[in-house]
């Protein structure tokens, strides 16, 4: 599971951690709802230690572009849009979560630096 944080928003450490958690839970729930489609992927992820990697994204448009690439490759993904009650404007795209085979996910996020 890979999380891409929208760094243009300038979120604090705690805010970022919360948004990444929303992405992880949201992506997991999405995959559980579509278990017939993602059961094997979830089982492999669980058996391999449930890795979560957090990367730097450049901007809202960058995360949107990455989500489109993930979709085109058939990867499950989840976007977090903030409620706007603290540090960022309502509706801001804060984090993109992507799940899949490492080689395929790397086609989307392989060039991004760790957060």
PDB file of N, CA and C in Angstrom:
ATOM      1  N   UNK A   1       0.855  -1.170   0.000  1.00  0.00           N
ATOM      2  CA  UNK A   1       0.000   0.000   0.000  1.00  0.00           C
ATOM      3  C   UNK A   1       0.900   1.231   0.000  1.00  0.00           C
ATOM      4  N   UNK A   2       0.630   2.112  -0.925  1.00  0.00           N
ATOM      5  CA  UNK A   2       1.419   3.333  -1.071  1.00  0.00           C
ATOM      6  C   UNK A   2       0.508   4.532  -0.877  1.00  0.00           C
ATOM      7  N   UNK A   3       0.970   5.488  -0.090  1.00  0.00           N
ATOM      8  CA  UNK A   3       0.247   6.732   0.128  1.00  0.00           C
ATOM      9  C   UNK A   3       1.066   7.872  -0.466  1.00  0.00           C
ATOM     10  N   UNK A   4       0.425   8.731  -1.234  1.00  0.00           N
ATOM     11  CA  UNK A   4       1.091   9.892  -1.819  1.00  0.00           C
ATOM     12  C   UNK A   4       0.458  11.139  -1.199  1.00  0.00           C
ATOM     13  N   UNK A   5       1.287  11.918  -0.495  1.00  0.00           N
ATOM     14  CA  UNK A   5       0.815  13.101   0.222  1.00  0.00           C
ATOM     15  C   UNK A   5       0.952  14.332  -0.665  1.00  0.00           C
ATOM     16  N   UNK A   6      -0.073  15.151  -0.674  1.00  0.00           N
ATOM     17  CA  UNK A   6      -0.081  16.404  -1.426  1.00  0.00           C
ATOM     18  C   UNK A   6       0.706  17.448  -0.630  1.00  0.00           C
ATOM     19  N   UNK A   7       1.974  17.618  -0.957  1.00  0.00           N
ATOM     20  CA  UNK A   7       2.845  18.496  -0.173  1.00  0.00           C
ATOM     21  C   UNK A   7       2.617  19.979  -0.425  1.00  0.00           C
ATOM     22  N   UNK A   8       1.923  20.336  -1.509  1.00  0.00           N
ATOM     23  CA  UNK A   8       1.665  21.756  -1.762  1.00  0.00           C
ATOM     24  C   UNK A   8       0.738  22.361  -0.705  1.00  0.00           C
ATOM     25  N   UNK A   9       0.035  21.511   0.042  1.00  0.00           N
ATOM     26  CA  UNK A   9      -0.900  22.003   1.048  1.00  0.00           C
ATOM     27  C   UNK A   9      -0.202  22.441   2.341  1.00  0.00           C
ATOM     28  N   UNK A  10       1.041  22.023   2.532  1.00  0.00           N
ATOM     29  CA  UNK A  10       1.790  22.435   3.715  1.00  0.00           C
ATOM     30  C   UNK A  10       1.181  21.950   5.027  1.00  0.00           C
ATOM     31  N   UNK A  11       0.619  20.758   5.030  1.00  0.00           N
ATOM     32  CA  UNK A  11       0.013  20.205   6.243  1.00  0.00           C
ATOM     33  C   UNK A  11       1.071  19.926   7.302  1.00  0.00           C
ATOM     34  N   UNK A  12       0.712  20.111   8.554  1.00  0.00           N
ATOM     35  CA  UNK A  12       1.597  19.769   9.660  1.00  0.00           C
ATOM     36  C   UNK A  12       1.745  18.261   9.780  1.00  0.00           C
ATOM     37  N   UNK A  13       2.660  17.846  10.638  1.00  0.00           N
ATOM     38  CA  UNK A  13       2.958  16.421  10.798  1.00  0.00           C
ATOM     39  C   UNK A  13       1.732  15.647  11.280  1.00  0.00           C
ATOM     40  N   UNK A  14       1.047  16.173  12.270  1.00  0.00           N
ATOM     41  CA  UNK A  14      -0.129  15.488  12.799  1.00  0.00           C
ATOM     42  C   UNK A  14      -1.249  15.406  11.779  1.00  0.00           C
ATOM     43  N   UNK A  15      -1.481  16.494  11.061  1.00  0.00           N
ATOM     44  CA  UNK A  15      -2.513  16.528  10.020  1.00  0.00           C
ATOM     45  C   UNK A  15      -2.186  15.512   8.931  1.00  0.00           C
ATOM     46  N   UNK A  16      -0.922  15.482   8.518  1.00  0.00           N
ATOM     47  CA  UNK A  16      -0.492  14.532   7.496  1.00  0.00           C
ATOM     48  C   UNK A  16      -0.710  13.098   7.970  1.00  0.00           C
ATOM     49  N   UNK A  17      -0.328  12.818   9.199  1.00  0.00           N
ATOM     50  CA  UNK A  17      -0.507  11.465   9.738  1.00  0.00           C
ATOM     51  C   UNK A  17      -1.978  11.063   9.725  1.00  0.00           C
ATOM     52  N   UNK A  18      -2.846  11.966  10.120  1.00  0.00           N
ATOM     53  CA  UNK A  18      -4.275  11.679  10.118  1.00  0.00           C
ATOM     54  C   UNK A  18      -4.814  11.427   8.723  1.00  0.00           C
ATOM     55  N   UNK A  19      -4.381  12.230   7.765  1.00  0.00           N
ATOM     56  CA  UNK A  19      -4.845  12.074   6.383  1.00  0.00           C
ATOM     57  C   UNK A  19      -4.340  10.767   5.775  1.00  0.00           C
ATOM     58  N   UNK A  20      -3.096  10.392   6.085  1.00  0.00           N
ATOM     59  CA  UNK A  20      -2.553   9.114   5.613  1.00  0.00           C
ATOM     60  C   UNK A  20      -3.357   7.962   6.214  1.00  0.00           C
ATOM     61  N   UNK A  21      -3.722   8.081   7.485  1.00  0.00           N
ATOM     62  CA  UNK A  21      -4.544   7.044   8.123  1.00  0.00           C
ATOM     63  C   UNK A  21      -5.907   6.942   7.441  1.00  0.00           C
ATOM     64  N   UNK A  22      -6.516   8.081   7.110  1.00  0.00           N
ATOM     65  CA  UNK A  22      -7.788   8.061   6.379  1.00  0.00           C
ATOM     66  C   UNK A  22      -7.636   7.312   5.055  1.00  0.00           C
ATOM     67  N   UNK A  23      -6.544   7.562   4.352  1.00  0.00           N
ATOM     68  CA  UNK A  23      -6.314   6.901   3.065  1.00  0.00           C
ATOM     69  C   UNK A  23      -6.155   5.393   3.234  1.00  0.00           C
ATOM     70  N   UNK A  24      -5.396   4.974   4.236  1.00  0.00           N
ATOM     71  CA  UNK A  24      -5.171   3.544   4.466  1.00  0.00           C
ATOM     72  C   UNK A  24      -6.481   2.831   4.801  1.00  0.00           C
ATOM     73  N   UNK A  25      -7.252   3.420   5.702  1.00  0.00           N
ATOM     74  CA  UNK A  25      -8.526   2.809   6.092  1.00  0.00           C
ATOM     75  C   UNK A  25      -9.512   2.835   4.924  1.00  0.00           C
ATOM     76  N   UNK A  26      -9.569   3.948   4.220  1.00  0.00           N
ATOM     77  CA  UNK A  26     -10.483   4.063   3.083  1.00  0.00           C
ATOM     78  C   UNK A  26     -10.176   3.068   1.986  1.00  0.00           C
ATOM     79  N   UNK A  27      -8.899   2.914   1.666  1.00  0.00           N
ATOM     80  CA  UNK A  27      -8.496   1.973   0.625  1.00  0.00           C
ATOM     81  C   UNK A  27      -8.800   0.543   1.060  1.00  0.00           C
ATOM     82  N   UNK A  28      -8.511   0.220   2.307  1.00  0.00           N
ATOM     83  CA  UNK A  28      -8.792  -1.116   2.823  1.00  0.00           C
ATOM     84  C   UNK A  28     -10.295  -1.405   2.768  1.00  0.00           C
ATOM     85  N   UNK A  29     -11.107  -0.448   3.196  1.00  0.00           N
ATOM     86  CA  UNK A  29     -12.568  -0.644   3.158  1.00  0.00           C
ATOM     87  C   UNK A  29     -13.061  -0.839   1.727  1.00  0.00           C
ATOM     88  N   UNK A  30     -12.545  -0.037   0.811  1.00  0.00           N
ATOM     89  CA  UNK A  30     -12.928  -0.169  -0.593  1.00  0.00           C
ATOM     90  C   UNK A  30     -12.631  -1.576  -1.094  1.00  0.00           C
ATOM     91  N   UNK A  31     -11.461  -2.086  -0.742  1.00  0.00           N
ATOM     92  CA  UNK A  31     -11.066  -3.415  -1.200  1.00  0.00           C
ATOM     93  C   UNK A  31     -11.888  -4.512  -0.517  1.00  0.00           C
ATOM     94  N   UNK A  32     -12.259  -4.298   0.743  1.00  0.00           N
ATOM     95  CA  UNK A  32     -13.103  -5.273   1.446  1.00  0.00           C
ATOM     96  C   UNK A  32     -14.505  -5.309   0.836  1.00  0.00           C
ATOM     97  N   UNK A  33     -14.997  -4.158   0.406  1.00  0.00           N
ATOM     98  CA  UNK A  33     -16.315  -4.108  -0.231  1.00  0.00           C
ATOM     99  C   UNK A  33     -16.320  -4.842  -1.569  1.00  0.00           C
ATOM    100  N   UNK A  34     -15.155  -4.920  -2.199  1.00  0.00           N
ATOM    101  CA  UNK A  34     -15.028  -5.601  -3.498  1.00  0.00           C
ATOM    102  C   UNK A  34     -14.126  -6.822  -3.335  1.00  0.00           C
ATOM    103  N   UNK A  35     -14.417  -7.612  -2.286  1.00  0.00           N
ATOM    104  CA  UNK A  35     -13.555  -8.735  -1.934  1.00  0.00           C
ATOM    105  C   UNK A  35     -13.380  -9.742  -3.057  1.00  0.00           C
ATOM    106  N   UNK A  36     -14.427  -9.982  -3.817  1.00  0.00           N
ATOM    107  CA  UNK A  36     -14.290 -10.957  -4.906  1.00  0.00           C
ATOM    108  C   UNK A  36     -13.214 -10.519  -5.894  1.00  0.00           C
ATOM    109  N   UNK A  37     -13.107  -9.228  -6.106  1.00  0.00           N
ATOM    110  CA  UNK A  37     -12.132  -8.690  -7.049  1.00  0.00           C
ATOM    111  C   UNK A  37     -10.738  -8.598  -6.432  1.00  0.00           C
ATOM    112  N   UNK A  38     -10.666  -8.283  -5.124  1.00  0.00           N
ATOM    113  CA  UNK A  38      -9.378  -7.975  -4.502  1.00  0.00           C
ATOM    114  C   UNK A  38      -8.926  -8.945  -3.416  1.00  0.00           C
ATOM    115  N   UNK A  39      -9.624 -10.051  -3.223  1.00  0.00           N
ATOM    116  CA  UNK A  39      -9.300 -10.977  -2.134  1.00  0.00           C
ATOM    117  C   UNK A  39      -7.849 -11.453  -2.178  1.00  0.00           C
ATOM    118  N   UNK A  40      -7.389 -11.853  -3.343  1.00  0.00           N
ATOM    119  CA  UNK A  40      -6.021 -12.364  -3.448  1.00  0.00           C
ATOM    120  C   UNK A  40      -4.997 -11.266  -3.159  1.00  0.00           C
ATOM    121  N   UNK A  41      -5.253 -10.068  -3.670  1.00  0.00           N
ATOM    122  CA  UNK A  41      -4.352  -8.945  -3.431  1.00  0.00           C
ATOM    123  C   UNK A  41      -4.276  -8.618  -1.940  1.00  0.00           C
ATOM    124  N   UNK A  42      -5.425  -8.598  -1.258  1.00  0.00           N
ATOM    125  CA  UNK A  42      -5.451  -8.329   0.180  1.00  0.00           C
ATOM    126  C   UNK A  42      -4.727  -9.419   0.961  1.00  0.00           C
ATOM    127  N   UNK A  43      -4.965 -10.667   0.592  1.00  0.00           N
ATOM    128  CA  UNK A  43      -4.325 -11.775   1.287  1.00  0.00           C
ATOM    129  C   UNK A  43      -2.806 -11.701   1.136  1.00  0.00           C
ATOM    130  N   UNK A  44      -2.326 -11.424  -0.064  1.00  0.00           N
ATOM    131  CA  UNK A  44      -0.883 -11.290  -0.291  1.00  0.00           C
ATOM    132  C   UNK A  44      -0.307 -10.149   0.537  1.00  0.00           C
ATOM    133  N   UNK A  45      -1.004  -9.015   0.558  1.00  0.00           N
ATOM    134  CA  UNK A  45      -0.554  -7.850   1.328  1.00  0.00           C
ATOM    135  C   UNK A  45      -0.479  -8.184   2.816  1.00  0.00           C
ATOM    136  N   UNK A  46      -1.505  -8.859   3.328  1.00  0.00           N
ATOM    137  CA  UNK A  46      -1.519  -9.234   4.743  1.00  0.00           C
ATOM    138  C   UNK A  46      -0.396 -10.218   5.064  1.00  0.00           C
ATOM    139  N   UNK A  47      -0.163 -11.182   4.192  1.00  0.00           N
ATOM    140  CA  UNK A  47       0.873 -12.182   4.426  1.00  0.00           C
ATOM    141  C   UNK A  47       2.285 -11.602   4.331  1.00  0.00           C
ATOM    142  N   UNK A  48       2.431 -10.491   3.609  1.00  0.00           N
ATOM    143  CA  UNK A  48       3.745  -9.873   3.440  1.00  0.00           C
ATOM    144  C   UNK A  48       4.005  -8.749   4.451  1.00  0.00           C
ATOM    145  N   UNK A  49       3.175  -8.659   5.485  1.00  0.00           N
ATOM    146  CA  UNK A  49       3.443  -7.720   6.559  1.00  0.00           C
ATOM    147  C   UNK A  49       2.683  -6.402   6.492  1.00  0.00           C
ATOM    148  N   UNK A  50       1.736  -6.281   5.560  1.00  0.00           N
ATOM    149  CA  UNK A  50       0.888  -5.093   5.446  1.00  0.00           C
ATOM    150  C   UNK A  50       1.689  -3.792   5.323  1.00  0.00           C
ATOM    151  N   UNK A  51       2.668  -3.792   4.449  1.00  0.00           N
ATOM    152  CA  UNK A  51       3.541  -2.624   4.254  1.00  0.00           C
ATOM    153  C   UNK A  51       2.741  -1.400   3.825  1.00  0.00           C
ATOM    154  N   UNK A  52       3.137  -0.259   4.372  1.00  0.00           N
ATOM    155  CA  UNK A  52       2.561   1.036   4.002  1.00  0.00           C
ATOM    156  C   UNK A  52       3.726   1.989   3.767  1.00  0.00           C
ATOM    157  N   UNK A  53       3.810   2.549   2.568  1.00  0.00           N
ATOM    158  CA  UNK A  53       4.910   3.430   2.187  1.00  0.00           C
ATOM    159  C   UNK A  53       4.319   4.800   1.884  1.00  0.00           C
ATOM    160  N   UNK A  54       4.928   5.848   2.443  1.00  0.00           N
ATOM    161  CA  UNK A  54       4.404   7.205   2.271  1.00  0.00           C
ATOM    162  C   UNK A  54       5.384   8.021   1.423  1.00  0.00           C
ATOM    163  N   UNK A  55       4.855   8.585   0.337  1.00  0.00           N
ATOM    164  CA  UNK A  55       5.666   9.303  -0.648  1.00  0.00           C
ATOM    165  C   UNK A  55       5.214  10.753  -0.779  1.00  0.00           C
ATOM    166  N   UNK A  56       6.083  11.575  -1.346  1.00  0.00           N
ATOM    167  CA  UNK A  56       5.776  12.990  -1.584  1.00  0.00           C
ATOM    168  C   UNK A  56       5.148  13.172  -2.958  1.00  0.00           C
ATOM    169  N   UNK A  57       3.968  13.797  -2.956  1.00  0.00           N
ATOM    170  CA  UNK A  57       3.350  14.238  -4.195  1.00  0.00           C
ATOM    171  C   UNK A  57       3.522  15.745  -4.292  1.00  0.00           C
ATOM    172  N   UNK A  58       3.504  16.273  -5.490  1.00  0.00           N
ATOM    173  CA  UNK A  58       3.806  17.695  -5.685  1.00  0.00           C
ATOM    174  C   UNK A  58       2.609  18.609  -5.491  1.00  0.00           C
ATOM    175  N   UNK A  59       1.422  18.169  -5.939  1.00  0.00           N
ATOM    176  CA  UNK A  59       0.278  19.077  -5.976  1.00  0.00           C
ATOM    177  C   UNK A  59      -1.008  18.289  -6.174  1.00  0.00           C
ATOM    178  N   UNK A  60      -2.115  19.001  -6.122  1.00  0.00           N
ATOM    179  CA  UNK A  60      -3.412  18.380  -6.384  1.00  0.00           C
ATOM    180  C   UNK A  60      -3.454  17.792  -7.784  1.00  0.00           C
ATOM    181  N   UNK A  61      -2.989  18.544  -8.768  1.00  0.00           N
ATOM    182  CA  UNK A  61      -3.016  18.036 -10.146  1.00  0.00           C
ATOM    183  C   UNK A  61      -2.105  16.817 -10.293  1.00  0.00           C
ATOM    184  N   UNK A  62      -1.004  16.787  -9.571  1.00  0.00           N
ATOM    185  CA  UNK A  62      -0.099  15.642  -9.603  1.00  0.00           C
ATOM    186  C   UNK A  62      -0.795  14.398  -9.046  1.00  0.00           C
ATOM    187  N   UNK A  63      -1.465  14.525  -7.896  1.00  0.00           N
ATOM    188  CA  UNK A  63      -2.178  13.384  -7.319  1.00  0.00           C
ATOM    189  C   UNK A  63      -3.303  12.919  -8.234  1.00  0.00           C
ATOM    190  N   UNK A  64      -3.986  13.850  -8.868  1.00  0.00           N
ATOM    191  CA  UNK A  64      -5.053  13.505  -9.802  1.00  0.00           C
ATOM    192  C   UNK A  64      -4.501  12.728 -10.988  1.00  0.00           C
ATOM    193  N   UNK A  65      -3.356  13.158 -11.489  1.00  0.00           N
ATOM    194  CA  UNK A  65      -2.694  12.455 -12.597  1.00  0.00           C
ATOM    195  C   UNK A  65      -2.288  11.041 -12.180  1.00  0.00           C
ATOM    196  N   UNK A  66      -1.749  10.895 -10.969  1.00  0.00           N
ATOM    197  CA  UNK A  66      -1.347   9.577 -10.473  1.00  0.00           C
ATOM    198  C   UNK A  66      -2.560   8.668 -10.290  1.00  0.00           C
ATOM    199  N   UNK A  67      -3.671   9.218  -9.805  1.00  0.00           N
ATOM    200  CA  UNK A  67      -4.896   8.433  -9.643  1.00  0.00           C
ATOM    201  C   UNK A  67      -5.391   7.930 -10.991  1.00  0.00           C
ATOM    202  N   UNK A  68      -5.292   8.767 -12.000  1.00  0.00           N
ATOM    203  CA  UNK A  68      -5.691   8.377 -13.353  1.00  0.00           C
ATOM    204  C   UNK A  68      -4.814   7.238 -13.873  1.00  0.00           C
ATOM    205  N   UNK A  69      -3.515   7.337 -13.630  1.00  0.00           N
ATOM    206  CA  UNK A  69      -2.598   6.260 -14.049  1.00  0.00           C
ATOM    207  C   UNK A  69      -2.939   4.963 -13.327  1.00  0.00           C
ATOM    208  N   UNK A  70      -3.202   5.054 -12.025  1.00  0.00           N
ATOM    209  CA  UNK A  70      -3.561   3.858 -11.252  1.00  0.00           C
ATOM    210  C   UNK A  70      -4.836   3.226 -11.811  1.00  0.00           C
ATOM    211  N   UNK A  71      -5.812   4.058 -12.090  1.00  0.00           N
ATOM    212  CA  UNK A  71      -7.073   3.569 -12.652  1.00  0.00           C
ATOM    213  C   UNK A  71      -6.852   2.882 -13.991  1.00  0.00           C
ATOM    214  N   UNK A  72      -6.053   3.488 -14.857  1.00  0.00           N
ATOM    215  CA  UNK A  72      -5.774   2.909 -16.171  1.00  0.00           C
ATOM    216  C   UNK A  72      -5.062   1.568 -16.083  1.00  0.00           C
ATOM    217  N   UNK A  73      -4.314   1.366 -14.996  1.00  0.00           N
ATOM    218  CA  UNK A  73      -3.597   0.103 -14.791  1.00  0.00           C
ATOM    219  C   UNK A  73      -4.437  -0.909 -14.005  1.00  0.00           C
ATOM    220  N   UNK A  74      -5.650  -0.530 -13.643  1.00  0.00           N
ATOM    221  CA  UNK A  74      -6.535  -1.434 -12.915  1.00  0.00           C
ATOM    222  C   UNK A  74      -6.214  -1.563 -11.439  1.00  0.00           C
ATOM    223  N   UNK A  75      -5.469  -0.609 -10.888  1.00  0.00           N
ATOM    224  CA  UNK A  75      -5.108  -0.649  -9.473  1.00  0.00           C
ATOM    225  C   UNK A  75      -6.200  -0.009  -8.626  1.00  0.00           C
ATOM    226  N   UNK A  76      -6.525  -0.607  -7.483  1.00  0.00           N
ATOM    227  CA  UNK A  76      -7.458   0.054  -6.582  1.00  0.00           C
ATOM    228  C   UNK A  76      -6.788   1.279  -5.951  1.00  0.00           C
ATOM    229  N   UNK A  77      -7.560   2.358  -5.819  1.00  0.00           N
ATOM    230  CA  UNK A  77      -7.014   3.569  -5.202  1.00  0.00           C
ATOM    231  C   UNK A  77      -8.110   4.290  -4.442  1.00  0.00           C
ATOM    232  N   UNK A  78      -7.698   5.158  -3.547  1.00  0.00           N
ATOM    233  CA  UNK A  78      -8.636   5.926  -2.724  1.00  0.00           C
ATOM    234  C   UNK A  78      -8.071   7.325  -2.542  1.00  0.00           C
ATOM    235  N   UNK A  79      -8.907   8.319  -2.725  1.00  0.00           N
ATOM    236  CA  UNK A  79      -8.482   9.699  -2.519  1.00  0.00           C
ATOM    237  C   UNK A  79      -9.148  10.258  -1.274  1.00  0.00           C
ATOM    238  N   UNK A  80      -8.379  11.018  -0.511  1.00  0.00           N
ATOM    239  CA  UNK A  80      -8.894  11.667   0.691  1.00  0.00           C
ATOM    240  C   UNK A  80      -9.103  13.144   0.385  1.00  0.00           C
ATOM    241  N   UNK A  81     -10.313  13.616   0.658  1.00  0.00           N
ATOM    242  CA  UNK A  81     -10.652  15.028   0.505  1.00  0.00           C
ATOM    243  C   UNK A  81     -11.010  15.546   1.887  1.00  0.00           C
ATOM    244  N   UNK A  82     -10.297  16.548   2.346  1.00  0.00           N
ATOM    245  CA  UNK A  82     -10.438  17.037   3.709  1.00  0.00           C
ATOM    246  C   UNK A  82     -11.761  17.767   3.935  1.00  0.00           C
ATOM    247  N   UNK A  83     -12.234  17.705   5.171  1.00  0.00           N
ATOM    248  CA  UNK A  83     -13.479  18.382   5.551  1.00  0.00           C
ATOM    249  C   UNK A  83     -13.280  19.883   5.730  1.00  0.00           C
ATOM    250  N   UNK A  84     -12.038  20.322   5.859  1.00  0.00           N
ATOM    251  CA  UNK A  84     -11.761  21.756   5.945  1.00  0.00           C
ATOM    252  C   UNK A  84     -11.958  22.367   7.309  1.00  0.00           C
ATOM    253  N   UNK A  85     -11.872  21.574   8.361  1.00  0.00           N
ATOM    254  CA  UNK A  85     -12.117  22.090   9.704  1.00  0.00           C
ATOM    255  C   UNK A  85     -10.859  22.570  10.423  1.00  0.00           C
ATOM    256  N   UNK A  86      -9.689  22.275   9.863  1.00  0.00           N
ATOM    257  CA  UNK A  86      -8.458  22.677  10.558  1.00  0.00           C
ATOM    258  C   UNK A  86      -7.502  23.422   9.626  1.00  0.00           C
ATOM    259  N   UNK A  87      -6.573  22.723   8.988  1.00  0.00           N
ATOM    260  CA  UNK A  87      -5.456  23.373   8.304  1.00  0.00           C
ATOM    261  C   UNK A  87      -5.649  23.659   6.815  1.00  0.00           C
ATOM    262  N   UNK A  88      -6.525  22.932   6.155  1.00  0.00           N
ATOM    263  CA  UNK A  88      -6.663  23.098   4.705  1.00  0.00           C
ATOM    264  C   UNK A  88      -8.124  23.355   4.327  1.00  0.00           C
ATOM    265  N   UNK A  89      -8.324  23.866   3.142  1.00  0.00           N
ATOM    266  CA  UNK A  89      -9.671  24.201   2.668  1.00  0.00           C
ATOM    267  C   UNK A  89     -10.517  22.943   2.467  1.00  0.00           C
ATOM    268  N   UNK A  90     -11.794  23.087   2.688  1.00  0.00           N
ATOM    269  CA  UNK A  90     -12.744  22.002   2.491  1.00  0.00           C
ATOM    270  C   UNK A  90     -12.636  21.467   1.060  1.00  0.00           C
ATOM    271  N   UNK A  91     -12.591  20.142   0.953  1.00  0.00           N
ATOM    272  CA  UNK A  91     -12.518  19.505  -0.358  1.00  0.00           C
ATOM    273  C   UNK A  91     -11.116  19.305  -0.892  1.00  0.00           C
ATOM    274  N   UNK A  92     -10.118  19.811  -0.177  1.00  0.00           N
ATOM    275  CA  UNK A  92      -8.725  19.657  -0.637  1.00  0.00           C
ATOM    276  C   UNK A  92      -8.350  18.186  -0.752  1.00  0.00           C
ATOM    277  N   UNK A  93      -7.712  17.840  -1.869  1.00  0.00           N
ATOM    278  CA  UNK A  93      -7.195  16.480  -2.062  1.00  0.00           C
ATOM    279  C   UNK A  93      -5.887  16.375  -1.292  1.00  0.00           C
ATOM    280  N   UNK A  94      -5.895  15.606  -0.208  1.00  0.00           N
ATOM    281  CA  UNK A  94      -4.733  15.555   0.687  1.00  0.00           C
ATOM    282  C   UNK A  94      -3.829  14.353   0.444  1.00  0.00           C
ATOM    283  N   UNK A  95      -4.428  13.180   0.214  1.00  0.00           N
ATOM    284  CA  UNK A  95      -3.644  11.942   0.074  1.00  0.00           C
ATOM    285  C   UNK A  95      -4.306  11.026  -0.950  1.00  0.00           C
ATOM    286  N   UNK A  96      -3.475  10.350  -1.712  1.00  0.00           N
ATOM    287  CA  UNK A  96      -3.892   9.297  -2.636  1.00  0.00           C
ATOM    288  C   UNK A  96      -3.306   7.986  -2.132  1.00  0.00           C
ATOM    289  N   UNK A  97      -4.155   6.987  -1.925  1.00  0.00           N
ATOM    290  CA  UNK A  97      -3.702   5.651  -1.543  1.00  0.00           C
ATOM    291  C   UNK A  97      -3.850   4.706  -2.722  1.00  0.00           C
ATOM    292  N   UNK A  98      -2.833   3.888  -2.964  1.00  0.00           N
ATOM    293  CA  UNK A  98      -2.840   2.936  -4.083  1.00  0.00           C
ATOM    294  C   UNK A  98      -2.378   1.574  -3.563  1.00  0.00           C
ATOM    295  N   UNK A  99      -3.016   0.517  -4.056  1.00  0.00           N
ATOM    296  CA  UNK A  99      -2.630  -0.848  -3.680  1.00  0.00           C
ATOM    297  C   UNK A  99      -2.393  -1.656  -4.935  1.00  0.00           C
ATOM    298  N   UNK A 100      -1.469  -2.598  -4.844  1.00  0.00           N
ATOM    299  CA  UNK A 100      -1.261  -3.508  -5.958  1.00  0.00           C
ATOM    300  C   UNK A 100       0.111  -4.146  -5.920  1.00  0.00           C
ATOM    301  N   UNK A 101       0.366  -4.927  -6.929  1.00  0.00           N
ATOM    302  CA  UNK A 101       1.661  -5.565  -7.109  1.00  0.00           C
ATOM    303  C   UNK A 101       2.737  -4.482  -7.191  1.00  0.00           C
ATOM    304  N   UNK A 102       3.842  -4.689  -6.504  1.00  0.00           N
ATOM    305  CA  UNK A 102       4.901  -3.679  -6.418  1.00  0.00           C
ATOM    306  C   UNK A 102       5.337  -3.185  -7.789  1.00  0.00           C
ATOM    307  N   UNK A 103       5.535  -4.091  -8.723  1.00  0.00           N
ATOM    308  CA  UNK A 103       6.006  -3.698 -10.045  1.00  0.00           C
ATOM    309  C   UNK A 103       5.006  -2.783 -10.758  1.00  0.00           C
ATOM    310  N   UNK A 104       3.724  -3.059 -10.571  1.00  0.00           N
ATOM    311  CA  UNK A 104       2.698  -2.251 -11.232  1.00  0.00           C
ATOM    312  C   UNK A 104       2.541  -0.908 -10.521  1.00  0.00           C
ATOM    313  N   UNK A 105       2.518  -0.923  -9.200  1.00  0.00           N
ATOM    314  CA  UNK A 105       2.414   0.334  -8.444  1.00  0.00           C
ATOM    315  C   UNK A 105       3.609   1.235  -8.755  1.00  0.00           C
ATOM    316  N   UNK A 106       4.777   0.638  -8.904  1.00  0.00           N
ATOM    317  CA  UNK A 106       5.972   1.425  -9.235  1.00  0.00           C
ATOM    318  C   UNK A 106       5.862   2.111 -10.599  1.00  0.00           C
ATOM    319  N   UNK A 107       5.013   1.610 -11.472  1.00  0.00           N
ATOM    320  CA  UNK A 107       4.782   2.273 -12.755  1.00  0.00           C
ATOM    321  C   UNK A 107       4.078   3.612 -12.537  1.00  0.00           C
ATOM    322  N   UNK A 108       3.403   3.749 -11.400  1.00  0.00           N
ATOM    323  CA  UNK A 108       2.690   4.985 -11.062  1.00  0.00           C
ATOM    324  C   UNK A 108       3.527   5.871 -10.145  1.00  0.00           C
ATOM    325  N   UNK A 109       4.146   5.273  -9.137  1.00  0.00           N
ATOM    326  CA  UNK A 109       4.796   6.059  -8.075  1.00  0.00           C
ATOM    327  C   UNK A 109       6.296   5.826  -7.915  1.00  0.00           C
ATOM    328  N   UNK A 110       6.867   5.000  -8.753  1.00  0.00           N
ATOM    329  CA  UNK A 110       8.263   4.581  -8.577  1.00  0.00           C
ATOM    330  C   UNK A 110       9.290   5.692  -8.564  1.00  0.00           C
ATOM    331  N   UNK A 111       8.972   6.836  -9.138  1.00  0.00           N
ATOM    332  CA  UNK A 111       9.929   7.948  -9.210  1.00  0.00           C
ATOM    333  C   UNK A 111       9.776   8.946  -8.054  1.00  0.00           C
ATOM    334  N   UNK A 112       8.801   8.723  -7.183  1.00  0.00           N
ATOM    335  CA  UNK A 112       8.544   9.699  -6.120  1.00  0.00           C
ATOM    336  C   UNK A 112       9.434   9.458  -4.906  1.00  0.00           C
ATOM    337  N   UNK A 113       9.856  10.526  -4.230  1.00  0.00           N
ATOM    338  CA  UNK A 113      10.690  10.370  -3.034  1.00  0.00           C
ATOM    339  C   UNK A 113       9.837  10.021  -1.820  1.00  0.00           C
ATOM    340  N   UNK A 114      10.476   9.401  -0.841  1.00  0.00           N
ATOM    341  CA  UNK A 114       9.814   9.151   0.440  1.00  0.00           C
ATOM    342  C   UNK A 114       9.496  10.485   1.123  1.00  0.00           C
ATOM    343  N   UNK A 115       8.424  10.499   1.886  1.00  0.00           N
ATOM    344  CA  UNK A 115       8.041  11.715   2.588  1.00  0.00           C
ATOM    345  C   UNK A 115       9.032  12.023   3.701  1.00  0.00           C
TER     346      UNK A 115
END
